[in-house]
Amino acid sequence: MGFTNDYSQAYERSGLKPEGDYEVLITKFEERRTKTGKLCLNLSMVIRNDVEQKYQNGFLFHTFWKRREPSALDQQVEGYSFSQLMSLGRAAGLPDKKEFASLSEFLQELVGKPLVAHLVHDEYNGEKREAIAWFNPTAHKDVAHVMKKKVDVQAEEYATKPQQTTYANAAPAQTADGFAPIPLDDDLPF
């Protein structure tokens, strides 16, 4: 199967996607603890491939931080910003006044929902990075996005190609003395 070069699909040299609006689907939430011990809620979003836009199937991420001094409303969502999570829910089209038994139930309801994420570049510790400034509702409510499948290098179609290199038959790393053992192979010319 061949292909045609299309440099409009190439990433910019900075590795950052351009600032602007991206049609996305919420794919998952994960609560993590940073190296310094702070809890945060990471949101992963895939850039939709059913809407004409660049960077289709790419990912965007957003982090919700626990409040230092959470309000009574923040306490209802385990100390995260209630207003930020409600903004996300409104943009994703969740019905107003719907009751949820827990933050987990609310987050599960959001997975798979379409919305628009506004990407900006900001600076953190001297490095430019992607950040989501806000979320808006989508005009493309009908979702026909097809999740990209991971390619398995052991798949039958690749296993039949003799030039295919997999981790199992790759050359081993060098040892401390600078020499790498050569695997014995009957096809060696010497």
N, C-alpha and C. Protein backbone atom coordinates (compact mmCIF):
# COMPACT_ATOMS: atom_id res chain seq x y z
N MET A 1 0.85 -1.17 0.00
CA MET A 1 0.00 0.00 0.00
C MET A 1 0.89 1.23 0.00
N GLY A 2 0.72 2.13 -0.94
CA GLY A 2 1.53 3.33 -1.03
C GLY A 2 0.88 4.52 -0.35
N PHE A 3 1.54 5.64 -0.44
CA PHE A 3 1.01 6.87 0.14
C PHE A 3 1.58 8.06 -0.60
N THR A 4 1.00 9.21 -0.39
CA THR A 4 1.44 10.45 -1.00
C THR A 4 1.86 11.40 0.10
N ASN A 5 3.02 12.04 -0.05
CA ASN A 5 3.44 13.04 0.93
C ASN A 5 2.38 14.11 1.06
N ASP A 6 2.13 14.54 2.29
CA ASP A 6 1.20 15.64 2.56
C ASP A 6 1.76 16.41 3.74
N TYR A 7 2.61 17.40 3.45
CA TYR A 7 3.28 18.13 4.50
C TYR A 7 2.36 19.02 5.31
N SER A 8 1.12 19.22 4.85
CA SER A 8 0.17 19.99 5.66
C SER A 8 -0.20 19.21 6.91
N GLN A 9 0.09 17.90 6.93
CA GLN A 9 -0.21 17.06 8.09
C GLN A 9 0.98 16.98 9.06
N ALA A 10 2.10 17.58 8.70
CA ALA A 10 3.29 17.50 9.54
C ALA A 10 3.15 18.41 10.76
N TYR A 11 3.71 17.98 11.87
CA TYR A 11 3.71 18.81 13.07
C TYR A 11 4.67 19.97 12.88
N GLU A 12 4.37 21.06 13.56
CA GLU A 12 5.29 22.19 13.52
C GLU A 12 6.56 21.81 14.27
N ARG A 13 7.62 22.52 13.98
CA ARG A 13 8.92 22.20 14.60
C ARG A 13 8.86 22.29 16.13
N SER A 14 8.07 23.19 16.67
CA SER A 14 8.01 23.34 18.11
C SER A 14 7.37 22.13 18.77
N GLY A 15 6.63 21.34 18.00
CA GLY A 15 5.93 20.21 18.58
C GLY A 15 4.61 20.61 19.20
N LEU A 16 4.32 21.89 19.22
CA LEU A 16 3.06 22.38 19.78
C LEU A 16 2.03 22.53 18.68
N LYS A 17 0.81 22.12 18.97
CA LYS A 17 -0.27 22.37 18.02
C LYS A 17 -0.56 23.87 18.04
N PRO A 18 -0.99 24.45 16.93
CA PRO A 18 -1.29 25.88 16.90
C PRO A 18 -2.42 26.24 17.85
N GLU A 19 -2.38 27.44 18.37
CA GLU A 19 -3.44 27.92 19.24
C GLU A 19 -4.75 27.99 18.45
N GLY A 20 -5.84 27.79 19.13
CA GLY A 20 -7.15 27.89 18.49
C GLY A 20 -8.13 26.87 19.03
N ASP A 21 -9.27 26.77 18.37
CA ASP A 21 -10.33 25.86 18.77
C ASP A 21 -10.16 24.51 18.10
N TYR A 22 -10.38 23.44 18.87
CA TYR A 22 -10.30 22.08 18.38
C TYR A 22 -11.57 21.34 18.79
N GLU A 23 -12.18 20.65 17.84
CA GLU A 23 -13.32 19.79 18.12
C GLU A 23 -12.75 18.50 18.71
N VAL A 24 -13.18 18.16 19.92
CA VAL A 24 -12.61 17.02 20.62
C VAL A 24 -13.70 16.13 21.21
N LEU A 25 -13.29 14.93 21.59
CA LEU A 25 -14.12 14.02 22.37
C LEU A 25 -13.37 13.73 23.67
N ILE A 26 -14.09 13.72 24.77
CA ILE A 26 -13.48 13.36 26.05
C ILE A 26 -13.26 11.85 26.05
N THR A 27 -12.02 11.43 26.31
CA THR A 27 -11.72 10.00 26.28
C THR A 27 -11.55 9.40 27.67
N LYS A 28 -10.97 10.14 28.62
CA LYS A 28 -10.83 9.58 29.97
C LYS A 28 -10.41 10.64 30.97
N PHE A 29 -10.60 10.29 32.24
CA PHE A 29 -10.16 11.08 33.38
C PHE A 29 -9.29 10.18 34.25
N GLU A 30 -8.23 10.74 34.81
CA GLU A 30 -7.38 9.99 35.73
C GLU A 30 -6.99 10.92 36.88
N GLU A 31 -7.17 10.44 38.10
CA GLU A 31 -6.69 11.20 39.24
C GLU A 31 -5.26 10.73 39.52
N ARG A 32 -4.37 11.69 39.60
CA ARG A 32 -2.95 11.37 39.81
C ARG A 32 -2.40 12.20 40.96
N ARG A 33 -1.27 11.75 41.45
CA ARG A 33 -0.55 12.49 42.48
C ARG A 33 0.77 12.95 41.85
N THR A 34 1.07 14.25 41.98
CA THR A 34 2.31 14.78 41.41
C THR A 34 3.49 14.34 42.26
N LYS A 35 4.69 14.62 41.79
CA LYS A 35 5.91 14.28 42.54
C LYS A 35 5.94 14.96 43.90
N THR A 36 5.30 16.13 43.98
CA THR A 36 5.27 16.87 45.25
C THR A 36 4.11 16.45 46.14
N GLY A 37 3.29 15.50 45.68
CA GLY A 37 2.22 14.97 46.49
C GLY A 37 0.85 15.60 46.28
N LYS A 38 0.73 16.54 45.35
CA LYS A 38 -0.57 17.18 45.09
C LYS A 38 -1.43 16.29 44.20
N LEU A 39 -2.71 16.23 44.54
CA LEU A 39 -3.65 15.48 43.71
C LEU A 39 -4.18 16.35 42.59
N CYS A 40 -4.33 15.75 41.42
CA CYS A 40 -4.91 16.46 40.28
C CYS A 40 -5.74 15.48 39.46
N LEU A 41 -6.64 16.05 38.67
CA LEU A 41 -7.51 15.26 37.82
C LEU A 41 -7.14 15.57 36.38
N ASN A 42 -6.61 14.58 35.67
CA ASN A 42 -6.18 14.77 34.28
C ASN A 42 -7.29 14.35 33.33
N LEU A 43 -7.57 15.24 32.39
CA LEU A 43 -8.58 15.02 31.36
C LEU A 43 -7.85 14.78 30.04
N SER A 44 -8.18 13.69 29.35
CA SER A 44 -7.62 13.39 28.03
C SER A 44 -8.73 13.55 27.00
N MET A 45 -8.38 14.20 25.88
CA MET A 45 -9.33 14.42 24.79
C MET A 45 -8.66 14.08 23.48
N VAL A 46 -9.40 13.46 22.56
CA VAL A 46 -8.89 13.17 21.23
C VAL A 46 -9.48 14.19 20.27
N ILE A 47 -8.67 14.66 19.34
CA ILE A 47 -9.14 15.60 18.31
C ILE A 47 -9.92 14.80 17.29
N ARG A 48 -11.16 15.18 17.09
CA ARG A 48 -12.10 14.41 16.28
C ARG A 48 -11.64 14.28 14.83
N ASN A 49 -11.89 13.08 14.27
CA ASN A 49 -11.57 12.85 12.86
C ASN A 49 -12.82 12.88 11.98
N ASP A 50 -13.97 13.18 12.58
CA ASP A 50 -15.20 13.30 11.81
C ASP A 50 -15.57 14.75 11.54
N VAL A 51 -14.68 15.66 11.93
CA VAL A 51 -14.83 17.09 11.68
C VAL A 51 -13.57 17.54 10.95
N GLU A 52 -13.72 18.30 9.85
CA GLU A 52 -12.57 18.74 9.07
C GLU A 52 -11.73 19.70 9.90
N GLN A 53 -10.52 19.27 10.28
CA GLN A 53 -9.59 20.08 11.07
C GLN A 53 -8.23 19.40 11.04
N LYS A 54 -7.21 20.15 11.35
CA LYS A 54 -5.86 19.58 11.42
C LYS A 54 -5.69 18.81 12.73
N TYR A 55 -4.68 17.97 12.75
CA TYR A 55 -4.28 17.20 13.93
C TYR A 55 -5.33 16.19 14.37
N GLN A 56 -6.12 15.69 13.41
CA GLN A 56 -7.10 14.67 13.73
C GLN A 56 -6.41 13.48 14.39
N ASN A 57 -7.05 12.91 15.38
CA ASN A 57 -6.57 11.78 16.18
C ASN A 57 -5.46 12.15 17.15
N GLY A 58 -5.05 13.41 17.17
CA GLY A 58 -4.08 13.87 18.16
C GLY A 58 -4.77 14.03 19.51
N PHE A 59 -4.00 14.25 20.54
CA PHE A 59 -4.58 14.37 21.87
C PHE A 59 -4.32 15.75 22.48
N LEU A 60 -5.26 16.19 23.29
CA LEU A 60 -5.12 17.38 24.11
C LEU A 60 -5.38 16.96 25.55
N PHE A 61 -4.77 17.68 26.48
CA PHE A 61 -4.89 17.32 27.89
C PHE A 61 -5.19 18.57 28.71
N HIS A 62 -5.89 18.37 29.81
CA HIS A 62 -6.17 19.46 30.73
C HIS A 62 -6.11 18.90 32.14
N THR A 63 -5.63 19.71 33.06
CA THR A 63 -5.52 19.28 34.46
C THR A 63 -6.39 20.16 35.34
N PHE A 64 -7.18 19.52 36.19
CA PHE A 64 -7.95 20.20 37.22
C PHE A 64 -7.22 19.98 38.54
N TRP A 65 -6.98 21.06 39.28
CA TRP A 65 -6.24 20.98 40.53
C TRP A 65 -7.19 21.07 41.71
N LYS A 66 -6.86 20.35 42.77
CA LYS A 66 -7.63 20.48 44.02
C LYS A 66 -7.42 21.88 44.57
N ARG A 67 -8.46 22.43 45.14
CA ARG A 67 -8.40 23.77 45.73
C ARG A 67 -7.66 23.71 47.07
N ARG A 68 -6.87 24.75 47.34
CA ARG A 68 -6.18 24.83 48.65
C ARG A 68 -7.19 25.03 49.76
N GLU A 69 -8.17 25.89 49.49
CA GLU A 69 -9.25 26.13 50.45
C GLU A 69 -10.58 25.93 49.74
N PRO A 70 -11.02 24.67 49.62
CA PRO A 70 -12.24 24.39 48.86
C PRO A 70 -13.49 24.93 49.55
N SER A 71 -14.40 25.48 48.73
CA SER A 71 -15.68 25.96 49.23
C SER A 71 -16.60 24.76 49.48
N ALA A 72 -17.79 25.03 49.98
CA ALA A 72 -18.76 23.95 50.20
C ALA A 72 -19.11 23.28 48.87
N LEU A 73 -19.24 24.06 47.80
CA LEU A 73 -19.51 23.49 46.48
C LEU A 73 -18.33 22.63 46.00
N ASP A 74 -17.11 23.13 46.20
CA ASP A 74 -15.91 22.37 45.81
C ASP A 74 -15.83 21.04 46.55
N GLN A 75 -16.26 21.03 47.80
CA GLN A 75 -16.24 19.80 48.60
C GLN A 75 -17.13 18.72 47.97
N GLN A 76 -18.20 19.14 47.28
CA GLN A 76 -19.10 18.18 46.64
C GLN A 76 -18.41 17.41 45.51
N VAL A 77 -17.36 18.00 44.94
CA VAL A 77 -16.61 17.35 43.87
C VAL A 77 -15.18 17.04 44.34
N GLU A 78 -15.09 16.58 45.58
CA GLU A 78 -13.85 16.11 46.19
C GLU A 78 -12.74 17.16 46.24
N GLY A 79 -13.13 18.44 46.35
CA GLY A 79 -12.16 19.51 46.51
C GLY A 79 -11.67 20.14 45.22
N TYR A 80 -12.13 19.64 44.07
CA TYR A 80 -11.79 20.28 42.80
C TYR A 80 -12.71 21.47 42.60
N SER A 81 -12.38 22.33 41.66
CA SER A 81 -13.19 23.51 41.41
C SER A 81 -14.55 23.13 40.83
N PHE A 82 -15.59 23.38 41.62
CA PHE A 82 -16.95 23.07 41.18
C PHE A 82 -17.29 23.86 39.92
N SER A 83 -16.91 25.14 39.89
CA SER A 83 -17.26 25.99 38.74
C SER A 83 -16.54 25.53 37.47
N GLN A 84 -15.29 25.10 37.57
CA GLN A 84 -14.58 24.60 36.39
C GLN A 84 -15.21 23.31 35.87
N LEU A 85 -15.58 22.42 36.76
CA LEU A 85 -16.19 21.16 36.34
C LEU A 85 -17.58 21.40 35.75
N MET A 86 -18.32 22.38 36.30
CA MET A 86 -19.64 22.71 35.75
C MET A 86 -19.50 23.34 34.36
N SER A 87 -18.46 24.13 34.15
CA SER A 87 -18.21 24.70 32.82
C SER A 87 -17.93 23.60 31.81
N LEU A 88 -17.17 22.59 32.23
CA LEU A 88 -16.89 21.45 31.36
C LEU A 88 -18.19 20.69 31.06
N GLY A 89 -19.00 20.45 32.08
CA GLY A 89 -20.26 19.74 31.90
C GLY A 89 -21.22 20.48 30.98
N ARG A 90 -21.30 21.80 31.13
CA ARG A 90 -22.16 22.61 30.26
C ARG A 90 -21.68 22.53 28.82
N ALA A 91 -20.37 22.67 28.60
CA ALA A 91 -19.81 22.61 27.24
C ALA A 91 -20.05 21.24 26.61
N ALA A 92 -20.03 20.18 27.42
CA ALA A 92 -20.23 18.82 26.92
C ALA A 92 -21.71 18.49 26.73
N GLY A 93 -22.58 19.39 27.13
CA GLY A 93 -24.01 19.19 26.90
C GLY A 93 -24.73 18.36 27.95
N LEU A 94 -24.17 18.23 29.15
CA LEU A 94 -24.89 17.53 30.20
C LEU A 94 -26.09 18.38 30.61
N PRO A 95 -27.22 17.74 30.94
CA PRO A 95 -28.39 18.52 31.31
C PRO A 95 -28.20 19.26 32.63
N ASP A 96 -28.71 20.48 32.69
CA ASP A 96 -28.64 21.30 33.90
C ASP A 96 -29.52 20.68 34.99
N LYS A 97 -29.09 20.77 36.20
CA LYS A 97 -29.82 20.30 37.40
C LYS A 97 -29.88 18.78 37.52
N LYS A 98 -29.12 18.06 36.72
CA LYS A 98 -29.07 16.60 36.85
C LYS A 98 -28.28 16.27 38.11
N GLU A 99 -28.76 15.32 38.88
CA GLU A 99 -28.08 14.94 40.12
C GLU A 99 -27.12 13.77 39.87
N PHE A 100 -25.98 13.85 40.55
CA PHE A 100 -24.97 12.80 40.47
C PHE A 100 -24.64 12.35 41.88
N ALA A 101 -24.46 11.06 42.07
CA ALA A 101 -24.15 10.51 43.38
C ALA A 101 -22.70 10.77 43.78
N SER A 102 -21.81 10.99 42.79
CA SER A 102 -20.40 11.18 43.09
C SER A 102 -19.70 11.89 41.93
N LEU A 103 -18.50 12.33 42.20
CA LEU A 103 -17.67 12.92 41.14
C LEU A 103 -17.39 11.86 40.07
N SER A 104 -17.14 10.65 40.48
CA SER A 104 -16.86 9.57 39.53
C SER A 104 -18.03 9.37 38.56
N GLU A 105 -19.25 9.40 39.06
CA GLU A 105 -20.42 9.25 38.20
C GLU A 105 -20.51 10.40 37.20
N PHE A 106 -20.23 11.62 37.67
CA PHE A 106 -20.24 12.80 36.79
C PHE A 106 -19.20 12.64 35.68
N LEU A 107 -18.00 12.21 36.03
CA LEU A 107 -16.92 12.05 35.06
C LEU A 107 -17.23 10.95 34.05
N GLN A 108 -17.83 9.87 34.51
CA GLN A 108 -18.21 8.78 33.60
C GLN A 108 -19.23 9.26 32.58
N GLU A 109 -20.12 10.14 33.01
CA GLU A 109 -21.14 10.69 32.11
C GLU A 109 -20.49 11.55 31.01
N LEU A 110 -19.35 12.17 31.32
CA LEU A 110 -18.66 13.04 30.36
C LEU A 110 -17.88 12.29 29.28
N VAL A 111 -17.42 11.08 29.59
CA VAL A 111 -16.60 10.32 28.65
C VAL A 111 -17.39 10.06 27.36
N GLY A 112 -16.77 10.41 26.24
CA GLY A 112 -17.38 10.22 24.93
C GLY A 112 -18.15 11.44 24.44
N LYS A 113 -18.25 12.47 25.28
CA LYS A 113 -19.01 13.66 24.89
C LYS A 113 -18.14 14.58 24.03
N PRO A 114 -18.75 15.19 22.98
CA PRO A 114 -18.02 16.14 22.13
C PRO A 114 -18.09 17.55 22.69
N LEU A 115 -17.06 18.33 22.44
CA LEU A 115 -17.03 19.74 22.81
C LEU A 115 -15.90 20.42 22.07
N VAL A 116 -15.77 21.71 22.27
CA VAL A 116 -14.68 22.48 21.66
C VAL A 116 -13.72 22.87 22.77
N ALA A 117 -12.44 22.60 22.57
CA ALA A 117 -11.39 23.00 23.52
C ALA A 117 -10.58 24.11 22.87
N HIS A 118 -10.42 25.22 23.59
CA HIS A 118 -9.62 26.34 23.07
C HIS A 118 -8.20 26.19 23.60
N LEU A 119 -7.27 25.91 22.67
CA LEU A 119 -5.87 25.68 23.01
C LEU A 119 -5.08 26.98 22.97
N VAL A 120 -4.26 27.20 23.98
CA VAL A 120 -3.34 28.33 24.03
C VAL A 120 -1.95 27.80 24.37
N HIS A 121 -0.94 28.62 24.18
CA HIS A 121 0.42 28.29 24.60
C HIS A 121 0.73 29.12 25.83
N ASP A 122 1.22 28.48 26.86
CA ASP A 122 1.68 29.24 28.02
C ASP A 122 3.08 28.76 28.38
N GLU A 123 3.66 29.38 29.36
CA GLU A 123 5.02 29.03 29.75
C GLU A 123 5.02 28.54 31.18
N TYR A 124 5.72 27.44 31.41
CA TYR A 124 5.84 26.86 32.74
C TYR A 124 7.28 26.40 32.92
N ASN A 125 7.94 26.87 33.95
CA ASN A 125 9.35 26.54 34.21
C ASN A 125 10.23 26.78 33.00
N GLY A 126 9.96 27.88 32.29
CA GLY A 126 10.79 28.27 31.16
C GLY A 126 10.51 27.54 29.86
N GLU A 127 9.51 26.66 29.83
CA GLU A 127 9.19 25.92 28.61
C GLU A 127 7.78 26.25 28.16
N LYS A 128 7.63 26.41 26.83
CA LYS A 128 6.29 26.61 26.27
C LYS A 128 5.57 25.27 26.26
N ARG A 129 4.27 25.33 26.55
CA ARG A 129 3.47 24.11 26.55
C ARG A 129 2.05 24.42 26.11
N GLU A 130 1.33 23.38 25.76
CA GLU A 130 -0.08 23.51 25.39
C GLU A 130 -0.92 23.55 26.65
N ALA A 131 -1.94 24.41 26.63
CA ALA A 131 -2.88 24.49 27.75
C ALA A 131 -4.27 24.78 27.19
N ILE A 132 -5.28 24.30 27.87
CA ILE A 132 -6.65 24.57 27.47
C ILE A 132 -7.14 25.76 28.28
N ALA A 133 -7.54 26.83 27.58
CA ALA A 133 -8.01 28.06 28.25
C ALA A 133 -9.48 27.93 28.65
N TRP A 134 -10.31 27.34 27.76
CA TRP A 134 -11.72 27.17 28.07
C TRP A 134 -12.33 26.13 27.16
N PHE A 135 -13.56 25.74 27.52
CA PHE A 135 -14.34 24.77 26.75
C PHE A 135 -15.63 25.44 26.30
N ASN A 136 -16.09 25.08 25.10
CA ASN A 136 -17.35 25.57 24.56
C ASN A 136 -18.14 24.40 23.98
N PRO A 137 -19.46 24.57 23.86
CA PRO A 137 -20.25 23.52 23.21
C PRO A 137 -19.87 23.40 21.74
N THR A 138 -20.07 22.23 21.19
CA THR A 138 -19.78 21.98 19.78
C THR A 138 -21.01 22.26 18.93
N ALA A 139 -20.78 22.62 17.70
CA ALA A 139 -21.87 22.75 16.73
C ALA A 139 -22.07 21.41 16.01
N HIS A 140 -21.13 20.47 16.21
CA HIS A 140 -21.17 19.15 15.56
C HIS A 140 -21.54 18.09 16.59
N LYS A 141 -22.80 18.05 16.97
CA LYS A 141 -23.24 17.16 18.04
C LYS A 141 -23.31 15.69 17.62
N ASP A 142 -23.54 15.44 16.32
CA ASP A 142 -23.56 14.06 15.84
C ASP A 142 -22.11 13.58 15.70
N VAL A 143 -21.79 12.52 16.42
CA VAL A 143 -20.41 12.03 16.45
C VAL A 143 -20.27 10.80 15.57
N ALA A 144 -19.32 10.88 14.62
CA ALA A 144 -19.00 9.74 13.76
C ALA A 144 -17.50 9.43 13.85
N HIS A 145 -16.86 9.93 14.91
CA HIS A 145 -15.42 9.73 15.10
C HIS A 145 -15.13 8.23 15.23
N VAL A 146 -14.06 7.80 14.59
CA VAL A 146 -13.61 6.41 14.69
C VAL A 146 -12.28 6.44 15.41
N MET A 147 -12.23 5.77 16.55
CA MET A 147 -10.99 5.74 17.32
C MET A 147 -9.92 5.02 16.53
N LYS A 148 -8.73 5.58 16.54
CA LYS A 148 -7.59 5.00 15.83
C LYS A 148 -7.13 3.76 16.59
N LYS A 149 -6.91 2.67 15.86
CA LYS A 149 -6.45 1.44 16.48
C LYS A 149 -4.94 1.45 16.59
N LYS A 150 -4.44 0.87 17.66
CA LYS A 150 -3.00 0.74 17.82
C LYS A 150 -2.50 -0.33 16.85
N VAL A 151 -1.35 -0.09 16.25
CA VAL A 151 -0.76 -1.05 15.32
C VAL A 151 0.07 -2.04 16.12
N ASP A 152 -0.18 -3.29 15.91
CA ASP A 152 0.56 -4.36 16.58
C ASP A 152 1.65 -4.84 15.64
N VAL A 153 2.93 -4.63 16.02
CA VAL A 153 4.03 -5.02 15.14
C VAL A 153 4.10 -6.54 14.95
N GLN A 154 3.39 -7.29 15.76
CA GLN A 154 3.37 -8.73 15.61
C GLN A 154 2.21 -9.18 14.72
N ALA A 155 1.46 -8.23 14.16
CA ALA A 155 0.32 -8.58 13.32
C ALA A 155 0.78 -9.42 12.14
N GLU A 156 -0.10 -10.27 11.68
CA GLU A 156 0.25 -11.22 10.62
C GLU A 156 0.76 -10.53 9.36
N GLU A 157 0.16 -9.42 8.96
CA GLU A 157 0.58 -8.77 7.72
C GLU A 157 2.01 -8.23 7.82
N TYR A 158 2.47 -7.87 9.00
CA TYR A 158 3.83 -7.37 9.16
C TYR A 158 4.82 -8.50 9.40
N ALA A 159 4.37 -9.57 10.02
CA ALA A 159 5.25 -10.68 10.34
C ALA A 159 5.77 -11.37 9.09
N THR A 160 5.05 -11.24 7.97
CA THR A 160 5.48 -11.90 6.74
C THR A 160 6.55 -11.12 6.00
N LYS A 161 6.81 -9.88 6.39
CA LYS A 161 7.82 -9.07 5.72
C LYS A 161 9.18 -9.37 6.32
N PRO A 162 10.15 -9.85 5.54
CA PRO A 162 11.45 -10.23 6.10
C PRO A 162 12.23 -9.03 6.62
N GLN A 163 12.02 -7.81 6.09
CA GLN A 163 12.79 -6.66 6.54
C GLN A 163 12.23 -6.04 7.81
N GLN A 164 11.09 -6.53 8.29
CA GLN A 164 10.45 -5.96 9.47
C GLN A 164 11.31 -6.22 10.70
N THR A 165 11.64 -5.18 11.44
CA THR A 165 12.40 -5.31 12.67
C THR A 165 11.47 -5.12 13.84
N THR A 166 11.46 -6.07 14.75
CA THR A 166 10.67 -5.96 15.97
C THR A 166 11.62 -5.93 17.15
N TYR A 167 11.11 -5.62 18.31
CA TYR A 167 11.96 -5.56 19.49
C TYR A 167 12.57 -6.91 19.80
N ALA A 168 11.89 -7.97 19.43
CA ALA A 168 12.39 -9.30 19.73
C ALA A 168 13.65 -9.64 18.95
N ASN A 169 13.80 -9.11 17.70
CA ASN A 169 14.99 -9.46 16.93
C ASN A 169 15.92 -8.28 16.72
N ALA A 170 15.74 -7.21 17.47
CA ALA A 170 16.62 -6.05 17.37
C ALA A 170 17.96 -6.37 18.04
N ALA A 171 18.99 -5.66 17.64
CA ALA A 171 20.31 -5.89 18.21
C ALA A 171 20.33 -5.51 19.68
N PRO A 172 21.03 -6.27 20.50
CA PRO A 172 21.09 -5.96 21.92
C PRO A 172 21.94 -4.73 22.18
N ALA A 173 21.74 -4.13 23.33
CA ALA A 173 22.52 -2.95 23.72
C ALA A 173 23.96 -3.35 24.00
N GLN A 174 24.85 -2.36 23.91
CA GLN A 174 26.26 -2.63 24.19
C GLN A 174 26.48 -2.85 25.68
N THR A 175 27.50 -3.62 25.99
CA THR A 175 27.86 -3.86 27.38
C THR A 175 28.78 -2.74 27.86
N ALA A 176 29.15 -2.79 29.12
CA ALA A 176 29.98 -1.74 29.70
C ALA A 176 31.35 -1.64 29.03
N ASP A 177 31.87 -2.75 28.49
CA ASP A 177 33.18 -2.70 27.84
C ASP A 177 33.10 -2.25 26.39
N GLY A 178 31.89 -1.88 25.92
CA GLY A 178 31.73 -1.35 24.58
C GLY A 178 31.43 -2.37 23.51
N PHE A 179 31.37 -3.65 23.88
CA PHE A 179 31.09 -4.68 22.90
C PHE A 179 29.68 -5.22 23.10
N ALA A 180 29.04 -5.51 22.00
CA ALA A 180 27.71 -6.09 22.04
C ALA A 180 27.80 -7.52 21.54
N PRO A 181 27.18 -8.46 22.23
CA PRO A 181 27.21 -9.84 21.74
C PRO A 181 26.42 -9.94 20.44
N ILE A 182 26.93 -10.71 19.50
CA ILE A 182 26.27 -10.91 18.21
C ILE A 182 25.48 -12.21 18.30
N PRO A 183 24.18 -12.13 17.97
CA PRO A 183 23.41 -13.38 18.03
C PRO A 183 23.89 -14.35 16.96
N LEU A 184 23.92 -15.62 17.32
CA LEU A 184 24.32 -16.64 16.36
C LEU A 184 23.21 -16.82 15.35
N ASP A 185 23.59 -16.88 14.09
CA ASP A 185 22.60 -16.96 13.02
C ASP A 185 23.20 -17.78 11.91
N ASP A 186 22.46 -18.73 11.39
CA ASP A 186 22.95 -19.59 10.32
C ASP A 186 23.17 -18.84 9.03
N ASP A 187 22.60 -17.66 8.86
CA ASP A 187 22.70 -16.91 7.62
C ASP A 187 23.93 -16.00 7.56
N LEU A 188 24.79 -16.02 8.57
CA LEU A 188 25.95 -15.14 8.57
C LEU A 188 26.92 -15.58 7.47
N PRO A 189 27.53 -14.64 6.74
CA PRO A 189 28.39 -14.99 5.60
C PRO A 189 29.78 -15.47 6.00
N PHE A 190 30.10 -15.58 7.26
CA PHE A 190 31.44 -16.00 7.66
C PHE A 190 31.39 -17.12 8.65
